[in-house]
Amino acid sequence: MTDANSEPDRPSDGEFGGDPRTGTTDGDGASLDGTETEIESEEASLTDPAGVEGEEETDEASPGLFDDLLSGEPIFENKEVLRPSYTPRKLPHREEQINNMATILVTALRGDTPSNILIYGKTGTGKTASAKFVSEELESTSQKYEVPCDVQYINCEVTDTQYRVLAQLANTYIEQNRALIEEDLERLRGLRSDLEERGPSALADTEFEDADDLAARIETLETDLEEAEPVPMTGWPTDRVYSTFFEAVDYRERVVVIMLDEIDKLVEKSGDDTLYNLSRMNSELENSRVSIMGISNDLKFTDFLDPRVKSSLGEEEIVFPPYDATQLKDILQHRSEIAFKDDTLSEDVIPLCAAFAAQEHGDARRALDLLRTAGELAERGRTERINEEHVRRAQEKIELDRVVEVVRTLPTQSKLVLYAVILLEDNGVHNINTGEVFNIYKRLCEEIDMDVLTQRRVTDLISELDMLGIVNAVVVSKGRYGRTKEMSLSVPLKETKSVLLADSRLGDVEDAQPFVQARFDDS
């Protein structure tokens, strides 16, 4: 890479006539034969703007790639407050739920075991933000009153197996224990040095009766430190991982709240064994106490739990209802005061963001994403204020991003069914029915050597695409010919087609299009 501020290339030593070591020029810069050196002439042209006609500007004078982009006035003061990862110090319209959580968890500050909590609510209703806020307050207050209490957050969409959950928890407490052991060892080794210098008086006012007692304690801690082996992310039997976590968390007195966000994803992927083990730990723990806080978007996920797990896990339930448009406006107003510089929002921006998000079942996360994206679009366009047009463009962008992500993660068979719908629409077919989709789908499967599903299963996949909002399918009666589904695409055709063809497994599908076209031509 070339440095933008580097000097222009110069001739190397010895490229011209004189000797660079002895300097075979006279004192005023002329060569020995009385003519000006080429080097001097070139330097003059570089320093004198008029010296060489048409000379290009030096790199120093030209703006860098980012200089031009940074020249505009920024709109954001603190963009991070509009991101889902931000935990605000104030959560409007969630005071009741926050107080309920605090009332349940306050027992931890008395050294008792809090009840397990299940928190329900749709996406963007403030569940995780409220739970994290309460957890931070709990840990802060526990330090104030010197009560050992901490909260461990696990996102079960990422950490979605019993092994991973237990390994993450085990390693957290192994690391904590090692730090405490090393701290104790440093103190006790210092005490042992004092004992060697001062004699038995060094042990006065300590918990040790004599040198042997101190030595035994140091030896125990050194053994504990050696045995505090981290759990690998794969390879151990699950029983061993669980017992390692059990021993690590019970190493000292403490109250632990395990926050399992997206808990339904863990149950869906790995069953309820993890919850069963965690919910029954307290009957065997000697020093510590464990409480579970589960957060879910699915109000019905407990229907799939073992009755014993369901009973112990759902000791307390807190429901987060969707926000309405007025509440969303309050949230956006509060965040915008921190996120943006003064006088950068038009009056209609926040109400419009709130209105769009209210249509998405009162999703505050969607409202904040809209506001942030609108701000980014305005900043890139170098406008001084965010207006309604930026919000509408942001809405289109977010919706397209959502569609791309949903389509990208579809199973291969669903992608083939969707591609069949796209081909039909792309060739001018309207009111597409299930039979037409199945015929094209079957031909596509044959072309790329995929198993062909039954027409009934393809109908089910169409229903799933309908639920995802990718197609709009309605059941239509054909009289004595029975009923069929008629559908149309609900997402941008061109972009969706590009996402499908980007899948390597569907790479040969594009080559099948002439055959499909021939079917239309023959019909």
Protein backbone atom coordinates (compact mmCIF):
# COMPACT_ATOMS: atom_id res chain seq x y z
CA MET A 1 0.00 0.00 0.00
CA THR A 2 1.25 3.45 -0.85
CA ASP A 3 1.42 6.04 1.91
CA ALA A 4 -0.74 9.01 0.88
CA ASN A 5 1.69 11.40 2.57
CA SER A 6 4.91 9.95 1.12
CA GLU A 7 7.37 12.08 -0.90
CA PRO A 8 7.35 11.79 -4.74
CA ASP A 9 9.83 9.27 -6.13
CA ARG A 10 13.35 10.73 -6.48
CA PRO A 11 16.23 9.48 -8.63
CA SER A 12 18.54 7.11 -6.81
CA ASP A 13 22.10 8.04 -5.91
CA GLY A 14 24.38 7.77 -8.87
CA GLU A 15 21.60 7.93 -11.45
CA PHE A 16 23.01 11.21 -12.71
CA GLY A 17 26.51 12.33 -13.51
CA GLY A 18 28.14 13.42 -10.20
CA ASP A 19 29.63 11.22 -7.51
CA PRO A 20 27.13 11.08 -4.62
CA ARG A 21 29.87 10.29 -2.10
CA THR A 22 32.20 13.17 -2.99
CA GLY A 23 29.62 15.59 -4.33
CA THR A 24 31.20 16.60 -7.61
CA THR A 25 29.38 19.90 -7.89
CA ASP A 26 30.59 23.35 -7.01
CA GLY A 27 29.44 25.31 -3.98
CA ASP A 28 26.46 27.05 -5.57
CA GLY A 29 24.94 23.91 -7.03
CA ALA A 30 26.40 24.07 -10.54
CA SER A 31 28.10 21.03 -12.00
CA LEU A 32 31.83 21.06 -12.62
CA ASP A 33 31.24 22.10 -16.22
CA GLY A 34 29.19 25.10 -15.05
CA THR A 35 25.68 23.74 -15.82
CA GLU A 36 22.93 23.29 -13.23
CA THR A 37 22.51 19.69 -12.07
CA GLU A 38 19.37 17.77 -13.05
CA ILE A 39 18.65 17.10 -9.39
CA GLU A 40 18.69 20.80 -8.55
CA SER A 41 16.45 21.49 -11.53
CA GLU A 42 13.94 18.82 -10.46
CA GLU A 43 13.90 20.14 -6.87
CA ALA A 44 13.22 23.61 -8.19
CA SER A 45 10.28 22.37 -10.20
CA LEU A 46 8.83 20.65 -7.13
CA THR A 47 9.12 23.73 -4.90
CA ASP A 48 8.06 26.30 -7.46
CA PRO A 49 4.38 25.86 -8.48
CA ALA A 50 5.03 27.72 -11.69
CA GLY A 51 8.28 25.93 -12.38
CA VAL A 52 6.81 23.18 -14.53
CA GLU A 53 3.70 23.84 -16.51
CA GLY A 54 0.94 21.32 -15.83
CA GLU A 55 2.76 19.72 -12.87
CA GLU A 56 0.36 17.51 -10.86
CA GLU A 57 -0.36 18.33 -7.23
CA THR A 58 1.59 16.38 -4.63
CA ASP A 59 -0.22 13.66 -2.67
CA GLU A 60 -0.19 15.89 0.43
CA ALA A 61 -2.40 18.44 -1.30
CA SER A 62 -5.04 15.94 -2.44
CA PRO A 63 -7.71 14.78 0.04
CA GLY A 64 -7.58 11.16 1.21
CA LEU A 65 -10.38 8.66 0.74
CA PHE A 66 -11.94 9.37 4.14
CA ASP A 67 -11.15 13.11 4.36
CA ASP A 68 -14.00 13.94 2.01
CA LEU A 69 -16.40 11.67 3.89
CA LEU A 70 -15.47 13.25 7.22
CA SER A 71 -15.95 16.78 5.93
CA GLY A 72 -19.72 16.72 6.47
CA GLU A 73 -21.34 17.68 9.76
CA PRO A 74 -22.20 14.54 11.80
CA ILE A 75 -25.82 13.94 12.81
CA PHE A 76 -25.19 11.40 15.56
CA GLU A 77 -24.00 12.24 19.05
CA ASN A 78 -24.04 8.61 20.28
CA LYS A 79 -25.32 6.04 17.79
CA GLU A 80 -24.84 3.12 20.20
CA VAL A 81 -27.94 4.03 22.23
CA LEU A 82 -30.06 3.01 19.22
CA ARG A 83 -28.59 -0.49 19.02
CA PRO A 84 -30.16 -3.61 20.65
CA SER A 85 -26.99 -4.22 22.68
CA TYR A 86 -27.45 -0.96 24.62
CA THR A 87 -28.98 -1.24 28.10
CA PRO A 88 -30.64 2.09 28.95
CA ARG A 89 -30.79 3.50 32.46
CA LYS A 90 -34.45 4.31 31.91
CA LEU A 91 -37.04 2.01 30.33
CA PRO A 92 -40.30 3.88 29.74
CA HIS A 93 -43.53 1.90 30.20
CA ARG A 94 -41.78 -1.09 31.77
CA GLU A 95 -41.79 0.06 35.39
CA GLU A 96 -44.31 -2.59 36.46
CA GLN A 97 -42.34 -5.50 34.98
CA ILE A 98 -39.05 -4.17 36.37
CA ASN A 99 -40.51 -3.82 39.85
CA ASN A 100 -41.91 -7.36 39.66
CA MET A 101 -38.48 -8.74 38.79
CA ALA A 102 -36.80 -6.75 41.55
CA THR A 103 -39.35 -7.96 44.11
CA ILE A 104 -38.57 -11.57 43.23
CA LEU A 105 -34.78 -11.19 43.07
CA VAL A 106 -34.32 -9.11 46.23
CA THR A 107 -34.18 -12.33 48.25
CA ALA A 108 -30.75 -12.96 46.66
CA LEU A 109 -29.42 -9.95 48.56
CA ARG A 110 -30.48 -11.67 51.79
CA GLY A 111 -28.53 -14.77 50.82
CA ASP A 112 -31.65 -16.77 49.96
CA THR A 113 -32.57 -18.49 46.69
CA PRO A 114 -34.84 -16.38 44.45
CA SER A 115 -37.74 -18.07 42.70
CA ASN A 116 -37.19 -19.08 39.09
CA ILE A 117 -38.70 -16.60 36.63
CA LEU A 118 -40.11 -17.04 33.13
CA ILE A 119 -40.41 -13.84 31.08
CA TYR A 120 -42.65 -13.84 28.00
CA GLY A 121 -43.26 -11.33 25.25
CA LYS A 122 -42.89 -10.77 21.52
CA THR A 123 -39.71 -9.47 19.93
CA GLY A 124 -38.90 -5.86 20.82
CA THR A 125 -41.10 -5.61 23.93
CA GLY A 126 -38.20 -4.81 26.27
CA LYS A 127 -37.74 -8.23 27.89
CA THR A 128 -33.97 -8.56 27.60
CA ALA A 129 -33.26 -4.87 28.19
CA SER A 130 -35.38 -4.88 31.36
CA ALA A 131 -33.85 -8.14 32.62
CA LYS A 132 -30.31 -6.85 32.02
CA PHE A 133 -31.13 -3.56 33.76
CA VAL A 134 -32.46 -5.38 36.83
CA SER A 135 -29.44 -7.72 36.79
CA GLU A 136 -26.97 -4.83 36.73
CA GLU A 137 -28.80 -3.20 39.63
CA LEU A 138 -28.75 -6.51 41.53
CA GLU A 139 -25.00 -6.96 41.08
CA SER A 140 -24.31 -3.32 41.96
CA THR A 141 -26.37 -3.54 45.15
CA SER A 142 -24.77 -6.86 46.11
CA GLN A 143 -21.34 -5.20 46.02
CA LYS A 144 -22.66 -2.33 48.12
CA TYR A 145 -23.87 -4.72 50.83
CA GLU A 146 -20.97 -7.17 50.30
CA VAL A 147 -23.30 -10.04 49.42
CA PRO A 148 -21.79 -12.47 46.86
CA CYS A 149 -24.34 -12.43 44.04
CA ASP A 150 -23.92 -12.42 40.29
CA VAL A 151 -25.91 -12.89 37.09
CA GLN A 152 -24.73 -14.97 34.13
CA TYR A 153 -26.27 -14.10 30.75
CA ILE A 154 -26.46 -16.76 28.03
CA ASN A 155 -27.99 -16.24 24.59
CA CYS A 156 -29.47 -19.66 23.78
CA GLU A 157 -29.82 -18.81 20.11
CA VAL A 158 -26.01 -18.98 19.99
CA THR A 159 -25.26 -21.30 22.91
CA ASP A 160 -27.95 -23.80 22.00
CA THR A 161 -26.88 -27.17 23.44
CA GLN A 162 -26.67 -28.55 26.97
CA TYR A 163 -22.92 -29.07 26.58
CA ARG A 164 -22.26 -25.48 25.49
CA VAL A 165 -24.44 -23.96 28.21
CA LEU A 166 -22.82 -26.00 30.98
CA ALA A 167 -19.31 -25.49 29.57
CA GLN A 168 -19.78 -21.71 29.39
CA LEU A 169 -21.09 -21.58 32.96
CA ALA A 170 -18.37 -23.92 34.25
CA ASN A 171 -15.55 -21.92 32.65
CA THR A 172 -16.95 -18.65 34.01
CA TYR A 173 -16.81 -19.94 37.58
CA ILE A 174 -13.52 -21.78 37.09
CA GLU A 175 -11.99 -18.47 35.99
CA GLN A 176 -13.53 -16.66 38.98
CA ASN A 177 -12.30 -19.36 41.36
CA ARG A 178 -8.78 -19.30 39.95
CA ALA A 179 -8.60 -15.54 40.46
CA LEU A 180 -9.76 -15.90 44.09
CA ILE A 181 -7.35 -18.78 44.75
CA GLU A 182 -4.40 -16.87 43.31
CA GLU A 183 -5.32 -13.86 45.43
CA ASP A 184 -5.50 -16.03 48.58
CA LEU A 185 -2.22 -17.76 47.74
CA GLU A 186 -0.43 -14.43 47.33
CA ARG A 187 -1.71 -13.31 50.74
CA LEU A 188 -0.85 -16.60 52.49
CA ARG A 189 2.61 -16.84 50.95
CA GLY A 190 3.25 -13.33 52.21
CA LEU A 191 2.07 -14.46 55.65
CA ARG A 192 4.42 -17.46 55.47
CA SER A 193 7.33 -15.11 54.75
CA ASP A 194 6.37 -13.02 57.78
CA LEU A 195 6.22 -16.19 59.86
CA GLU A 196 9.76 -17.12 58.83
CA GLU A 197 11.02 -13.65 59.76
CA ARG A 198 9.03 -12.86 62.91
CA GLY A 199 8.12 -16.27 64.25
CA PRO A 200 4.75 -17.39 65.69
CA SER A 201 3.70 -13.80 66.48
CA ALA A 202 3.05 -13.31 62.74
CA LEU A 203 0.02 -15.62 63.05
CA ALA A 204 -1.63 -13.57 65.78
CA ASP A 205 -5.10 -12.37 64.78
CA THR A 206 -5.20 -14.81 61.83
CA GLU A 207 -7.29 -17.92 61.25
CA PHE A 208 -4.20 -20.15 61.57
CA GLU A 209 -3.08 -21.83 64.78
CA ASP A 210 0.46 -22.66 63.70
CA ALA A 211 2.83 -23.02 60.75
CA ASP A 212 1.51 -26.49 59.88
CA ASP A 213 -2.02 -25.14 59.69
CA LEU A 214 -0.88 -22.39 57.28
CA ALA A 215 1.16 -24.82 55.18
CA ALA A 216 -1.81 -27.18 54.88
CA ARG A 217 -4.03 -24.36 53.68
CA ILE A 218 -1.48 -23.26 51.06
CA GLU A 219 -1.12 -26.85 49.85
CA THR A 220 -4.92 -27.21 49.55
CA LEU A 221 -5.19 -24.01 47.52
CA GLU A 222 -2.33 -25.04 45.24
CA THR A 223 -4.10 -28.36 44.60
CA ASP A 224 -7.39 -26.55 43.93
CA LEU A 225 -5.65 -24.24 41.47
CA GLU A 226 -4.06 -27.17 39.65
CA GLU A 227 -7.40 -29.01 39.43
CA ALA A 228 -9.34 -25.96 38.17
CA GLU A 229 -9.15 -27.21 34.60
CA PRO A 230 -11.22 -25.33 31.98
CA VAL A 231 -13.84 -27.32 30.08
CA PRO A 232 -13.10 -27.71 26.35
CA MET A 233 -15.91 -26.65 24.04
CA THR A 234 -16.21 -30.25 22.79
CA GLY A 235 -15.00 -33.69 23.74
CA TRP A 236 -16.09 -34.33 27.33
CA PRO A 237 -19.06 -36.47 28.39
CA THR A 238 -21.95 -34.18 29.35
CA ASP A 239 -22.05 -35.69 32.85
CA ARG A 240 -18.46 -34.63 33.42
CA VAL A 241 -19.19 -31.09 32.21
CA TYR A 242 -22.16 -30.86 34.57
CA SER A 243 -20.18 -32.11 37.59
CA THR A 244 -17.36 -29.67 36.77
CA PHE A 245 -19.83 -26.79 36.67
CA PHE A 246 -21.45 -28.03 39.89
CA GLU A 247 -18.11 -28.11 41.73
CA ALA A 248 -17.03 -24.74 40.31
CA VAL A 249 -20.22 -22.87 41.28
CA ASP A 250 -20.27 -24.50 44.74
CA TYR A 251 -16.64 -23.65 45.50
CA ARG A 252 -17.68 -20.66 47.61
CA GLU A 253 -20.83 -19.06 49.01
CA ARG A 254 -22.78 -17.07 46.43
CA VAL A 255 -26.20 -16.65 44.85
CA VAL A 256 -26.20 -17.13 41.09
CA VAL A 257 -28.93 -16.04 38.67
CA ILE A 258 -28.61 -17.74 35.27
CA MET A 259 -30.36 -15.67 32.59
CA LEU A 260 -31.25 -17.84 29.59
CA ASP A 261 -32.31 -15.54 26.76
CA GLU A 262 -34.23 -17.22 23.90
CA ILE A 263 -34.68 -20.22 26.22
CA ASP A 264 -37.17 -21.76 23.77
CA LYS A 265 -34.33 -22.15 21.22
CA LEU A 266 -32.40 -24.27 23.73
CA VAL A 267 -35.43 -26.50 24.37
CA GLU A 268 -36.14 -26.77 20.65
CA LYS A 269 -32.55 -27.83 19.86
CA SER A 270 -31.60 -29.89 22.92
CA GLY A 271 -34.74 -30.76 24.85
CA ASP A 272 -35.27 -29.89 28.52
CA ASP A 273 -32.36 -31.83 30.09
CA THR A 274 -30.41 -28.62 30.75
CA LEU A 275 -33.35 -26.99 32.51
CA TYR A 276 -34.05 -30.17 34.46
CA ASN A 277 -30.46 -30.32 35.77
CA LEU A 278 -30.23 -26.61 36.57
CA SER A 279 -33.61 -26.46 38.28
CA ARG A 280 -32.71 -29.35 40.63
CA MET A 281 -29.20 -28.20 41.58
CA ASN A 282 -30.16 -26.44 44.79
CA SER A 283 -31.10 -29.68 46.54
CA GLU A 284 -27.47 -30.82 46.25
CA LEU A 285 -25.49 -27.56 46.53
CA GLU A 286 -23.85 -26.83 49.89
CA ASN A 287 -22.41 -23.33 49.55
CA SER A 288 -24.18 -21.65 46.65
CA ARG A 289 -27.72 -21.14 45.40
CA VAL A 290 -28.87 -21.05 41.76
CA SER A 291 -31.90 -19.36 40.23
CA ILE A 292 -33.01 -19.44 36.58
CA MET A 293 -34.45 -16.53 34.63
CA GLY A 294 -35.77 -17.69 31.25
CA ILE A 295 -36.72 -15.25 28.48
CA SER A 296 -38.84 -16.36 25.53
CA ASN A 297 -40.73 -14.95 22.55
CA ASP A 298 -42.89 -18.09 22.52
CA LEU A 299 -45.62 -18.18 25.14
CA LYS A 300 -46.31 -21.85 24.43
CA PHE A 301 -42.84 -23.34 24.61
CA THR A 302 -43.47 -24.72 28.14
CA ASP A 303 -46.08 -27.04 26.62
CA PHE A 304 -43.17 -29.20 25.44
CA LEU A 305 -41.46 -29.39 28.85
CA ASP A 306 -41.48 -32.27 31.29
CA PRO A 307 -44.17 -31.45 33.91
CA ARG A 308 -41.53 -31.44 36.68
CA VAL A 309 -39.37 -28.96 34.78
CA LYS A 310 -42.37 -26.84 33.90
CA SER A 311 -43.43 -26.71 37.56
CA SER A 312 -40.03 -25.71 38.96
CA LEU A 313 -39.09 -23.38 36.11
CA GLY A 314 -42.31 -21.39 36.04
CA GLU A 315 -42.49 -20.45 39.72
CA GLU A 316 -42.96 -16.82 38.67
CA GLU A 317 -44.13 -15.57 35.27
CA ILE A 318 -43.89 -12.02 33.92
CA VAL A 319 -45.52 -11.00 30.62
CA PHE A 320 -44.32 -8.07 28.50
CA PRO A 321 -47.18 -6.77 26.32
CA PRO A 322 -46.46 -5.07 22.96
CA TYR A 323 -45.91 -1.30 22.94
CA ASP A 324 -48.50 0.92 21.29
CA ALA A 325 -47.59 3.84 19.01
CA THR A 326 -47.71 6.41 21.84
CA GLN A 327 -45.37 4.34 24.02
CA LEU A 328 -42.99 3.83 21.10
CA LYS A 329 -42.88 7.60 20.57
CA ASP A 330 -41.87 8.06 24.22
CA ILE A 331 -39.08 5.49 23.86
CA LEU A 332 -37.79 7.04 20.64
CA GLN A 333 -37.96 10.54 22.08
CA HIS A 334 -35.93 9.46 25.11
CA ARG A 335 -33.25 7.72 23.05
CA SER A 336 -33.10 10.41 20.36
CA GLU A 337 -32.13 13.04 22.93
CA ILE A 338 -28.96 11.04 23.60
CA ALA A 339 -28.38 9.68 20.09
CA PHE A 340 -28.55 12.82 17.93
CA LYS A 341 -27.13 16.30 17.90
CA ASP A 342 -29.54 19.18 18.51
CA ASP A 343 -32.03 20.14 15.81
CA THR A 344 -31.29 17.20 13.49
CA LEU A 345 -34.76 15.56 13.58
CA SER A 346 -37.79 16.82 11.69
CA GLU A 347 -41.00 16.76 13.71
CA ASP A 348 -42.58 13.96 11.70
CA VAL A 349 -39.65 11.51 12.03
CA ILE A 350 -40.37 10.01 15.46
CA PRO A 351 -44.17 9.66 14.93
CA LEU A 352 -43.57 7.93 11.59
CA CYS A 353 -40.98 5.52 13.05
CA ALA A 354 -43.40 4.74 15.88
CA ALA A 355 -46.29 4.17 13.46
CA PHE A 356 -44.27 1.75 11.30
CA ALA A 357 -43.07 -0.20 14.36
CA ALA A 358 -46.56 -0.31 15.90
CA GLN A 359 -47.68 -2.20 12.80
CA GLU A 360 -44.95 -4.76 13.61
CA HIS A 361 -46.68 -5.83 16.86
CA GLY A 362 -45.26 -2.88 18.81
CA ASP A 363 -41.60 -3.75 18.24
CA ALA A 364 -39.35 -1.17 19.93
CA ARG A 365 -36.27 -2.78 18.42
CA ARG A 366 -37.72 -2.21 14.96
CA ALA A 367 -38.52 1.41 15.85
CA LEU A 368 -34.94 2.03 17.04
CA ASP A 369 -33.49 0.33 13.95
CA LEU A 370 -35.66 2.54 11.76
CA LEU A 371 -34.52 5.70 13.50
CA ARG A 372 -30.85 4.69 13.37
CA THR A 373 -31.01 3.66 9.70
CA ALA A 374 -32.82 6.89 8.78
CA GLY A 375 -30.04 8.82 10.50
CA GLU A 376 -27.37 6.87 8.63
CA LEU A 377 -29.07 7.52 5.29
CA ALA A 378 -29.30 11.23 6.06
CA GLU A 379 -25.65 11.36 7.12
CA ARG A 380 -24.52 9.57 3.97
CA GLY A 381 -26.59 11.98 1.90
CA ARG A 382 -24.89 14.88 3.75
CA THR A 383 -28.15 16.44 4.78
CA GLU A 384 -28.34 18.38 8.02
CA ARG A 385 -31.68 16.94 9.20
CA ILE A 386 -33.46 13.60 9.13
CA ASN A 387 -36.84 13.85 7.41
CA GLU A 388 -39.83 11.67 6.51
CA GLU A 389 -38.25 10.54 3.25
CA HIS A 390 -35.24 9.12 5.13
CA VAL A 391 -37.60 7.12 7.37
CA ARG A 392 -39.49 5.69 4.39
CA ARG A 393 -36.25 4.70 2.68
CA ALA A 394 -35.05 3.15 5.94
CA GLN A 395 -38.27 1.13 6.16
CA GLU A 396 -37.71 -0.23 2.65
CA LYS A 397 -34.07 -1.06 3.39
CA ILE A 398 -34.82 -2.88 6.66
CA GLU A 399 -37.65 -4.84 5.07
CA LEU A 400 -35.40 -5.88 2.19
CA ASP A 401 -32.63 -6.89 4.62
CA ARG A 402 -35.17 -8.98 6.56
CA VAL A 403 -36.35 -10.71 3.40
CA VAL A 404 -32.80 -11.43 2.30
CA GLU A 405 -31.94 -12.99 5.66
CA VAL A 406 -35.13 -15.07 5.80
CA VAL A 407 -34.68 -16.34 2.24
CA ARG A 408 -30.97 -17.01 2.75
CA THR A 409 -31.68 -19.31 5.73
CA LEU A 410 -34.50 -21.31 4.12
CA PRO A 411 -34.00 -25.08 3.70
CA THR A 412 -32.99 -26.12 0.18
CA GLN A 413 -36.38 -27.67 -0.66
CA SER A 414 -38.18 -24.47 0.39
CA LYS A 415 -35.78 -22.47 -1.78
CA LEU A 416 -36.65 -24.64 -4.77
CA VAL A 417 -40.38 -24.17 -4.19
CA LEU A 418 -39.87 -20.41 -3.89
CA TYR A 419 -37.73 -20.38 -7.03
CA ALA A 420 -40.54 -22.13 -8.90
CA VAL A 421 -42.93 -19.34 -7.84
CA ILE A 422 -40.39 -16.73 -8.97
CA LEU A 423 -39.98 -18.36 -12.39
CA LEU A 424 -43.75 -18.43 -12.88
CA GLU A 425 -44.14 -14.75 -11.95
CA ASP A 426 -41.09 -13.81 -14.01
CA ASN A 427 -42.80 -15.36 -17.03
CA GLY A 428 -46.02 -13.43 -16.54
CA VAL A 429 -48.12 -16.10 -14.81
CA HIS A 430 -50.68 -14.63 -12.40
CA ASN A 431 -52.83 -16.32 -9.74
CA ILE A 432 -50.27 -19.12 -9.56
CA ASN A 433 -51.73 -22.38 -8.27
CA THR A 434 -50.15 -25.25 -6.37
CA GLY A 435 -50.14 -27.58 -9.39
CA GLU A 436 -48.18 -25.11 -11.50
CA VAL A 437 -45.63 -24.61 -8.72
CA PHE A 438 -45.26 -28.36 -8.22
CA ASN A 439 -44.67 -29.01 -11.94
CA ILE A 440 -41.89 -26.40 -12.13
CA TYR A 441 -40.45 -27.48 -8.76
CA LYS A 442 -40.31 -31.12 -9.94
CA ARG A 443 -38.45 -30.15 -13.12
CA LEU A 444 -35.96 -28.06 -11.13
CA CYS A 445 -35.27 -30.99 -8.79
CA GLU A 446 -34.62 -33.26 -11.77
CA GLU A 447 -32.23 -30.75 -13.33
CA ILE A 448 -30.05 -30.47 -10.19
CA ASP A 449 -30.51 -34.07 -9.01
CA MET A 450 -32.51 -33.32 -5.85
CA ASP A 451 -35.10 -35.59 -4.26
CA VAL A 452 -38.64 -34.66 -5.30
CA LEU A 453 -41.10 -34.17 -2.45
CA THR A 454 -44.78 -35.08 -2.73
CA GLN A 455 -47.26 -32.44 -3.86
CA ARG A 456 -48.80 -32.51 -0.38
CA ARG A 457 -45.42 -31.69 1.20
CA VAL A 458 -44.84 -28.91 -1.34
CA THR A 459 -48.23 -27.47 -0.34
CA ASP A 460 -47.02 -27.45 3.29
CA LEU A 461 -43.84 -25.62 2.26
CA ILE A 462 -45.95 -23.02 0.45
CA SER A 463 -47.92 -22.51 3.67
CA GLU A 464 -44.64 -21.97 5.55
CA LEU A 465 -43.53 -19.39 2.97
CA ASP A 466 -46.90 -17.70 3.44
CA MET A 467 -46.41 -17.57 7.23
CA LEU A 468 -42.97 -16.00 6.71
CA GLY A 469 -44.53 -13.30 4.51
CA ILE A 470 -42.55 -14.33 1.44
CA VAL A 471 -45.60 -15.33 -0.60
CA ASN A 472 -49.26 -14.47 -0.24
CA ALA A 473 -51.30 -17.69 -0.57
CA VAL A 474 -55.08 -18.06 -0.40
CA VAL A 475 -57.24 -21.16 -0.73
CA VAL A 476 -59.55 -20.96 -3.75
CA SER A 477 -62.47 -23.29 -4.51
CA LYS A 478 -62.55 -24.75 -8.04
CA GLY A 479 -66.04 -26.25 -7.66
CA ARG A 480 -66.16 -29.89 -8.61
CA TYR A 481 -62.38 -29.79 -9.22
CA GLY A 482 -61.78 -29.24 -5.50
CA ARG A 483 -59.70 -26.56 -3.85
CA THR A 484 -56.25 -25.21 -4.56
CA LYS A 485 -53.96 -22.49 -3.29
CA GLU A 486 -53.36 -19.44 -5.43
CA MET A 487 -50.34 -17.37 -4.61
CA SER A 488 -48.24 -14.39 -5.54
CA LEU A 489 -44.82 -13.19 -4.45
CA SER A 490 -44.82 -10.76 -1.50
CA VAL A 491 -41.15 -9.79 -1.76
CA PRO A 492 -39.03 -8.07 -4.45
CA LEU A 493 -38.55 -10.59 -7.26
CA LYS A 494 -35.12 -9.51 -8.50
CA GLU A 495 -33.44 -9.36 -5.08
CA THR A 496 -35.03 -12.62 -3.90
CA LYS A 497 -33.93 -14.41 -7.06
CA SER A 498 -30.35 -13.18 -6.53
CA VAL A 499 -30.30 -14.49 -2.95
CA LEU A 500 -31.52 -17.92 -4.08
CA LEU A 501 -28.96 -18.21 -6.87
CA ALA A 502 -26.17 -17.25 -4.45
CA ASP A 503 -26.71 -20.62 -2.72
CA SER A 504 -24.08 -23.02 -4.10
CA ARG A 505 -26.54 -25.92 -3.82
CA LEU A 506 -28.81 -24.14 -6.28
CA GLY A 507 -25.96 -23.14 -8.56
CA ASP A 508 -27.18 -25.27 -11.48
CA VAL A 509 -30.78 -24.09 -11.17
CA GLU A 510 -30.12 -21.12 -13.44
CA ASP A 511 -29.15 -23.52 -16.23
CA ALA A 512 -32.59 -25.13 -15.89
CA GLN A 513 -34.40 -21.92 -16.82
CA PRO A 514 -34.43 -22.57 -20.61
CA PHE A 515 -36.19 -25.88 -19.96
CA VAL A 516 -38.70 -24.11 -17.75
CA GLN A 517 -39.23 -21.43 -20.39
CA ALA A 518 -39.89 -24.17 -22.93
CA ARG A 519 -42.69 -25.46 -20.71
CA PHE A 520 -44.35 -22.04 -20.80
CA ASP A 521 -43.89 -21.80 -24.55
CA ASP A 522 -45.49 -25.21 -25.04
CA SER A 523 -48.50 -24.41 -22.86
